[in-house]
Amino acid sequence: MRLIPDSEARGCYDCLPLIALRRTVSGGFEPVPGFMAPSLAIAGAPQLQYVLEHLLDALQAKVSALHGHHREPSRNVIEFRSGDVSSFWLLHTVSTAAAALMHYVRHPALHPERLYEALLGLAGGLLSYSKHYTWPACPPTITRSRAPASTPSTPSSVNCSTPSSRRNIFPSP
């Protein structure tokens, strides 16, 4: 195992970012607050869990606000008028996404990529309300295992690496 900064050539190493550091004014280093290291489970990324829980709070607030705009002719039944079509579909989009995202809060052992797919579904549903943004604006998943070392990034990430020659235990036929 070896720590390699982004500015150094990686050669035959496969790399996994463990931490992103930035230089302080005094010349030292500090962790980048928004960096999340790769994880095999949502539970392995506490910051991701925090963001997910706060997103669910925001979605619940939006659902409550949308419910407040509609008539309730009978108890617990919401009535939509013809002018409420957009509001209905927004409520549908947000409620559907919140139900799916709640599954990931309740099952943090699931892989974060599944959560990412649910977030893409929410983003795609919300994009129908925007003329400015379109689906190509949705970010791809971030994988850095094969990221080029020739372009140092700011902030720099430190990687734990193992030579790829050790990785291939079984030779190719």
C-alpha atoms as a PDB file:
ATOM      1  CA  MET A   1       0.000   0.000   0.000  1.00  0.00           C
ATOM      2  CA  ARG A   2       1.251   3.466  -0.870  1.00  0.00           C
ATOM      3  CA  LEU A   3      -0.136   7.006  -0.688  1.00  0.00           C
ATOM      4  CA  ILE A   4       0.170   8.868  -3.990  1.00  0.00           C
ATOM      5  CA  PRO A   5      -0.944  12.485  -4.578  1.00  0.00           C
ATOM      6  CA  ASP A   6      -2.807  13.361  -7.796  1.00  0.00           C
ATOM      7  CA  SER A   7       0.216  15.282  -9.047  1.00  0.00           C
ATOM      8  CA  GLU A   8       2.374  12.123  -9.107  1.00  0.00           C
ATOM      9  CA  ALA A   9       2.291   9.564 -11.936  1.00  0.00           C
ATOM     10  CA  ARG A  10       0.508   6.374 -10.941  1.00  0.00           C
ATOM     11  CA  GLY A  11       1.983   4.091 -13.574  1.00  0.00           C
ATOM     12  CA  CYS A  12       0.836   0.520 -12.980  1.00  0.00           C
ATOM     13  CA  TYR A  13      -1.163   1.315  -9.835  1.00  0.00           C
ATOM     14  CA  ASP A  14      -4.912   1.062  -9.399  1.00  0.00           C
ATOM     15  CA  CYS A  15      -5.980   3.903  -7.138  1.00  0.00           C
ATOM     16  CA  LEU A  16      -8.782   4.519  -4.704  1.00  0.00           C
ATOM     17  CA  PRO A  17      -9.245   8.027  -3.274  1.00  0.00           C
ATOM     18  CA  LEU A  18      -9.315   7.894   0.526  1.00  0.00           C
ATOM     19  CA  ILE A  19      -9.246  11.587   1.375  1.00  0.00           C
ATOM     20  CA  ALA A  20      -9.131  14.913  -0.439  1.00  0.00           C
ATOM     21  CA  LEU A  21      -6.784  17.483   1.052  1.00  0.00           C
ATOM     22  CA  ARG A  22      -6.286  21.164   0.429  1.00  0.00           C
ATOM     23  CA  ARG A  23      -3.398  23.345   1.441  1.00  0.00           C
ATOM     24  CA  THR A  24      -4.066  25.864   4.190  1.00  0.00           C
ATOM     25  CA  VAL A  25      -2.751  29.413   4.247  1.00  0.00           C
ATOM     26  CA  SER A  26      -0.157  28.366   6.823  1.00  0.00           C
ATOM     27  CA  GLY A  27       1.220  25.696   4.452  1.00  0.00           C
ATOM     28  CA  GLY A  28      -0.371  22.699   6.173  1.00  0.00           C
ATOM     29  CA  PHE A  29      -3.164  20.489   4.906  1.00  0.00           C
ATOM     30  CA  GLU A  30      -6.800  20.037   5.852  1.00  0.00           C
ATOM     31  CA  PRO A  31      -9.509  17.661   4.599  1.00  0.00           C
ATOM     32  CA  VAL A  32     -11.901  18.986   1.955  1.00  0.00           C
ATOM     33  CA  PRO A  33     -15.296  19.134   3.707  1.00  0.00           C
ATOM     34  CA  GLY A  34     -17.426  17.960   0.762  1.00  0.00           C
ATOM     35  CA  PHE A  35     -15.296  14.962  -0.231  1.00  0.00           C
ATOM     36  CA  MET A  36     -16.836  11.515   0.164  1.00  0.00           C
ATOM     37  CA  ALA A  37     -14.558   8.525  -0.253  1.00  0.00           C
ATOM     38  CA  PRO A  38     -15.950   5.557  -2.200  1.00  0.00           C
ATOM     39  CA  SER A  39     -17.954   3.155  -0.077  1.00  0.00           C
ATOM     40  CA  LEU A  40     -19.614  -0.212  -0.571  1.00  0.00           C
ATOM     41  CA  ALA A  41     -22.545   0.769   1.632  1.00  0.00           C
ATOM     42  CA  ILE A  42     -24.446   3.953   2.359  1.00  0.00           C
ATOM     43  CA  ALA A  43     -23.616   3.378   6.032  1.00  0.00           C
ATOM     44  CA  GLY A  44     -19.927   3.647   5.148  1.00  0.00           C
ATOM     45  CA  ALA A  45     -20.419   7.284   4.144  1.00  0.00           C
ATOM     46  CA  PRO A  46     -21.850   9.228   7.108  1.00  0.00           C
ATOM     47  CA  GLN A  47     -21.902  12.461   5.113  1.00  0.00           C
ATOM     48  CA  LEU A  48     -24.036  10.768   2.457  1.00  0.00           C
ATOM     49  CA  GLN A  49     -26.479   9.597   5.132  1.00  0.00           C
ATOM     50  CA  TYR A  50     -26.647  13.139   6.511  1.00  0.00           C
ATOM     51  CA  VAL A  51     -27.358  14.623   3.057  1.00  0.00           C
ATOM     52  CA  LEU A  52     -29.983  11.949   2.369  1.00  0.00           C
ATOM     53  CA  GLU A  53     -31.808  12.599   5.644  1.00  0.00           C
ATOM     54  CA  HIS A  54     -31.830  16.359   5.026  1.00  0.00           C
ATOM     55  CA  LEU A  55     -33.076  15.831   1.474  1.00  0.00           C
ATOM     56  CA  LEU A  56     -35.944  13.744   2.844  1.00  0.00           C
ATOM     57  CA  ASP A  57     -36.773  16.540   5.305  1.00  0.00           C
ATOM     58  CA  ALA A  58     -36.884  19.029   2.412  1.00  0.00           C
ATOM     59  CA  LEU A  59     -39.058  16.701   0.322  1.00  0.00           C
ATOM     60  CA  GLN A  60     -41.455  16.216   3.243  1.00  0.00           C
ATOM     61  CA  ALA A  61     -41.708  19.994   3.652  1.00  0.00           C
ATOM     62  CA  LYS A  62     -42.514  20.310  -0.072  1.00  0.00           C
ATOM     63  CA  VAL A  63     -45.191  17.603   0.147  1.00  0.00           C
ATOM     64  CA  SER A  64     -46.751  19.366   3.148  1.00  0.00           C
ATOM     65  CA  ALA A  65     -46.713  22.703   1.318  1.00  0.00           C
ATOM     66  CA  LEU A  66     -48.304  21.167  -1.784  1.00  0.00           C
ATOM     67  CA  HIS A  67     -50.983  19.471   0.329  1.00  0.00           C
ATOM     68  CA  GLY A  68     -51.766  22.846   1.901  1.00  0.00           C
ATOM     69  CA  HIS A  69     -52.717  24.314  -1.478  1.00  0.00           C
ATOM     70  CA  HIS A  70     -55.475  21.798  -2.251  1.00  0.00           C
ATOM     71  CA  ARG A  71     -59.021  21.429  -1.013  1.00  0.00           C
ATOM     72  CA  GLU A  72     -60.017  18.580   1.282  1.00  0.00           C
ATOM     73  CA  PRO A  73     -63.741  18.003   0.624  1.00  0.00           C
ATOM     74  CA  SER A  74     -63.685  14.919   2.843  1.00  0.00           C
ATOM     75  CA  ARG A  75     -61.295  13.832   5.526  1.00  0.00           C
ATOM     76  CA  ASN A  76     -57.840  12.775   4.200  1.00  0.00           C
ATOM     77  CA  VAL A  77     -58.864  13.052   0.539  1.00  0.00           C
ATOM     78  CA  ILE A  78     -57.349  15.832  -1.544  1.00  0.00           C
ATOM     79  CA  GLU A  79     -59.262  17.292  -4.451  1.00  0.00           C
ATOM     80  CA  PHE A  80     -57.426  18.542  -7.510  1.00  0.00           C
ATOM     81  CA  ARG A  81     -59.028  21.009  -9.899  1.00  0.00           C
ATOM     82  CA  SER A  82     -58.182  21.278 -13.596  1.00  0.00           C
ATOM     83  CA  GLY A  83     -55.706  24.103 -12.894  1.00  0.00           C
ATOM     84  CA  ASP A  84     -53.833  21.903 -10.417  1.00  0.00           C
ATOM     85  CA  VAL A  85     -52.359  19.470 -12.953  1.00  0.00           C
ATOM     86  CA  SER A  86     -48.822  20.807 -12.573  1.00  0.00           C
ATOM     87  CA  SER A  87     -49.123  20.792  -8.787  1.00  0.00           C
ATOM     88  CA  PHE A  88     -50.449  17.222  -8.846  1.00  0.00           C
ATOM     89  CA  TRP A  89     -47.513  15.971 -10.933  1.00  0.00           C
ATOM     90  CA  LEU A  90     -45.009  17.778  -8.728  1.00  0.00           C
ATOM     91  CA  LEU A  91     -46.617  16.195  -5.662  1.00  0.00           C
ATOM     92  CA  HIS A  92     -46.504  12.808  -7.419  1.00  0.00           C
ATOM     93  CA  THR A  93     -42.824  13.227  -8.372  1.00  0.00           C
ATOM     94  CA  VAL A  94     -41.747  14.320  -4.903  1.00  0.00           C
ATOM     95  CA  SER A  95     -43.829  11.709  -3.048  1.00  0.00           C
ATOM     96  CA  THR A  96     -42.634   8.864  -5.266  1.00  0.00           C
ATOM     97  CA  ALA A  97     -39.000   9.881  -4.848  1.00  0.00           C
ATOM     98  CA  ALA A  98     -39.370  10.342  -1.085  1.00  0.00           C
ATOM     99  CA  ALA A  99     -40.769   6.825  -0.723  1.00  0.00           C
ATOM    100  CA  ALA A 100     -37.845   5.365  -2.677  1.00  0.00           C
ATOM    101  CA  LEU A 101     -35.273   7.439  -0.779  1.00  0.00           C
ATOM    102  CA  MET A 102     -36.770   6.415   2.568  1.00  0.00           C
ATOM    103  CA  HIS A 103     -35.925   2.830   1.610  1.00  0.00           C
ATOM    104  CA  TYR A 104     -32.231   3.786   1.517  1.00  0.00           C
ATOM    105  CA  VAL A 105     -32.445   5.502   4.911  1.00  0.00           C
ATOM    106  CA  ARG A 106     -33.967   2.343   6.384  1.00  0.00           C
ATOM    107  CA  HIS A 107     -31.470   0.032   4.656  1.00  0.00           C
ATOM    108  CA  PRO A 108     -28.056   1.731   4.867  1.00  0.00           C
ATOM    109  CA  ALA A 109     -26.241  -1.503   3.976  1.00  0.00           C
ATOM    110  CA  LEU A 110     -27.276  -1.022   0.332  1.00  0.00           C
ATOM    111  CA  HIS A 111     -24.732   0.156  -2.241  1.00  0.00           C
ATOM    112  CA  PRO A 112     -24.614   3.945  -2.834  1.00  0.00           C
ATOM    113  CA  GLU A 113     -24.999   3.464  -6.596  1.00  0.00           C
ATOM    114  CA  ARG A 114     -28.569   2.301  -6.040  1.00  0.00           C
ATOM    115  CA  LEU A 115     -29.205   5.502  -4.089  1.00  0.00           C
ATOM    116  CA  TYR A 116     -27.657   7.463  -6.942  1.00  0.00           C
ATOM    117  CA  GLU A 117     -30.116   5.862  -9.374  1.00  0.00           C
ATOM    118  CA  ALA A 118     -33.028   6.906  -7.143  1.00  0.00           C
ATOM    119  CA  LEU A 119     -31.637  10.446  -6.975  1.00  0.00           C
ATOM    120  CA  LEU A 120     -31.364  10.496 -10.777  1.00  0.00           C
ATOM    121  CA  GLY A 121     -35.033   9.498 -10.948  1.00  0.00           C
ATOM    122  CA  LEU A 122     -35.941  12.440  -8.717  1.00  0.00           C
ATOM    123  CA  ALA A 123     -33.763  14.804 -10.741  1.00  0.00           C
ATOM    124  CA  GLY A 124     -35.274  13.560 -13.997  1.00  0.00           C
ATOM    125  CA  GLY A 125     -38.796  14.049 -12.672  1.00  0.00           C
ATOM    126  CA  LEU A 126     -37.999  17.564 -11.501  1.00  0.00           C
ATOM    127  CA  LEU A 127     -36.369  18.425 -14.834  1.00  0.00           C
ATOM    128  CA  SER A 128     -39.812  18.316 -16.436  1.00  0.00           C
ATOM    129  CA  TYR A 129     -40.457  21.634 -14.651  1.00  0.00           C
ATOM    130  CA  SER A 130     -37.376  23.356 -16.073  1.00  0.00           C
ATOM    131  CA  LYS A 131     -36.652  24.830 -19.474  1.00  0.00           C
ATOM    132  CA  HIS A 132     -33.155  25.810 -18.395  1.00  0.00           C
ATOM    133  CA  TYR A 133     -31.845  22.365 -17.386  1.00  0.00           C
ATOM    134  CA  THR A 134     -32.167  19.108 -19.322  1.00  0.00           C
ATOM    135  CA  TRP A 135     -31.281  15.499 -18.518  1.00  0.00           C
ATOM    136  CA  PRO A 136     -27.703  15.778 -19.887  1.00  0.00           C
ATOM    137  CA  ALA A 137     -27.105  18.163 -16.962  1.00  0.00           C
ATOM    138  CA  CYS A 138     -27.425  15.238 -14.520  1.00  0.00           C
ATOM    139  CA  PRO A 139     -23.958  14.363 -13.233  1.00  0.00           C
ATOM    140  CA  PRO A 140     -22.449  10.951 -13.960  1.00  0.00           C
ATOM    141  CA  THR A 141     -21.348   8.716 -11.127  1.00  0.00           C
ATOM    142  CA  ILE A 142     -17.851   9.590 -10.019  1.00  0.00           C
ATOM    143  CA  THR A 143     -15.248   6.884 -10.428  1.00  0.00           C
ATOM    144  CA  ARG A 144     -11.596   7.722 -10.090  1.00  0.00           C
ATOM    145  CA  SER A 145      -9.967   4.306 -10.261  1.00  0.00           C
ATOM    146  CA  ARG A 146      -8.612   5.034 -13.733  1.00  0.00           C
ATOM    147  CA  ALA A 147      -8.333   8.828 -13.468  1.00  0.00           C
ATOM    148  CA  PRO A 148      -5.305  10.243 -15.298  1.00  0.00           C
ATOM    149  CA  ALA A 149      -2.503  11.455 -13.067  1.00  0.00           C
ATOM    150  CA  SER A 150      -1.177  13.912 -15.648  1.00  0.00           C
ATOM    151  CA  THR A 151      -3.728  16.565 -14.716  1.00  0.00           C
ATOM    152  CA  PRO A 152      -3.316  17.466 -11.062  1.00  0.00           C
ATOM    153  CA  SER A 153      -6.537  18.625  -9.517  1.00  0.00           C
ATOM    154  CA  THR A 154      -7.198  21.140  -6.821  1.00  0.00           C
ATOM    155  CA  PRO A 155      -7.829  19.982  -4.195  1.00  0.00           C
ATOM    156  CA  SER A 156      -5.427  17.080  -4.324  1.00  0.00           C
ATOM    157  CA  SER A 157      -6.624  13.650  -3.314  1.00  0.00           C
ATOM    158  CA  VAL A 158      -4.422  11.114  -1.675  1.00  0.00           C
ATOM    159  CA  ASN A 159      -4.836   7.587  -2.958  1.00  0.00           C
ATOM    160  CA  CYS A 160      -4.175   4.178  -1.502  1.00  0.00           C
ATOM    161  CA  SER A 161      -2.670   2.111  -4.286  1.00  0.00           C
ATOM    162  CA  THR A 162      -1.583  -1.407  -5.071  1.00  0.00           C
ATOM    163  CA  PRO A 163       0.333  -2.417  -8.176  1.00  0.00           C
ATOM    164  CA  SER A 164      -2.005  -3.824 -10.820  1.00  0.00           C
ATOM    165  CA  SER A 165       0.398  -6.709 -11.440  1.00  0.00           C
ATOM    166  CA  ARG A 166      -0.637  -8.077  -8.025  1.00  0.00           C
ATOM    167  CA  ARG A 167      -4.302  -7.549  -8.830  1.00  0.00           C
ATOM    168  CA  ASN A 168      -4.495 -10.196 -11.585  1.00  0.00           C
ATOM    169  CA  ILE A 169      -4.210 -13.443  -9.659  1.00  0.00           C
ATOM    170  CA  PHE A 170      -5.564 -15.569 -12.504  1.00  0.00           C
ATOM    171  CA  PRO A 171      -3.824 -15.123 -15.868  1.00  0.00           C
ATOM    172  CA  SER A 172      -5.981 -14.399 -18.917  1.00  0.00           C
ATOM    173  CA  PRO A 173      -6.362 -17.317 -21.363  1.00  0.00           C
END
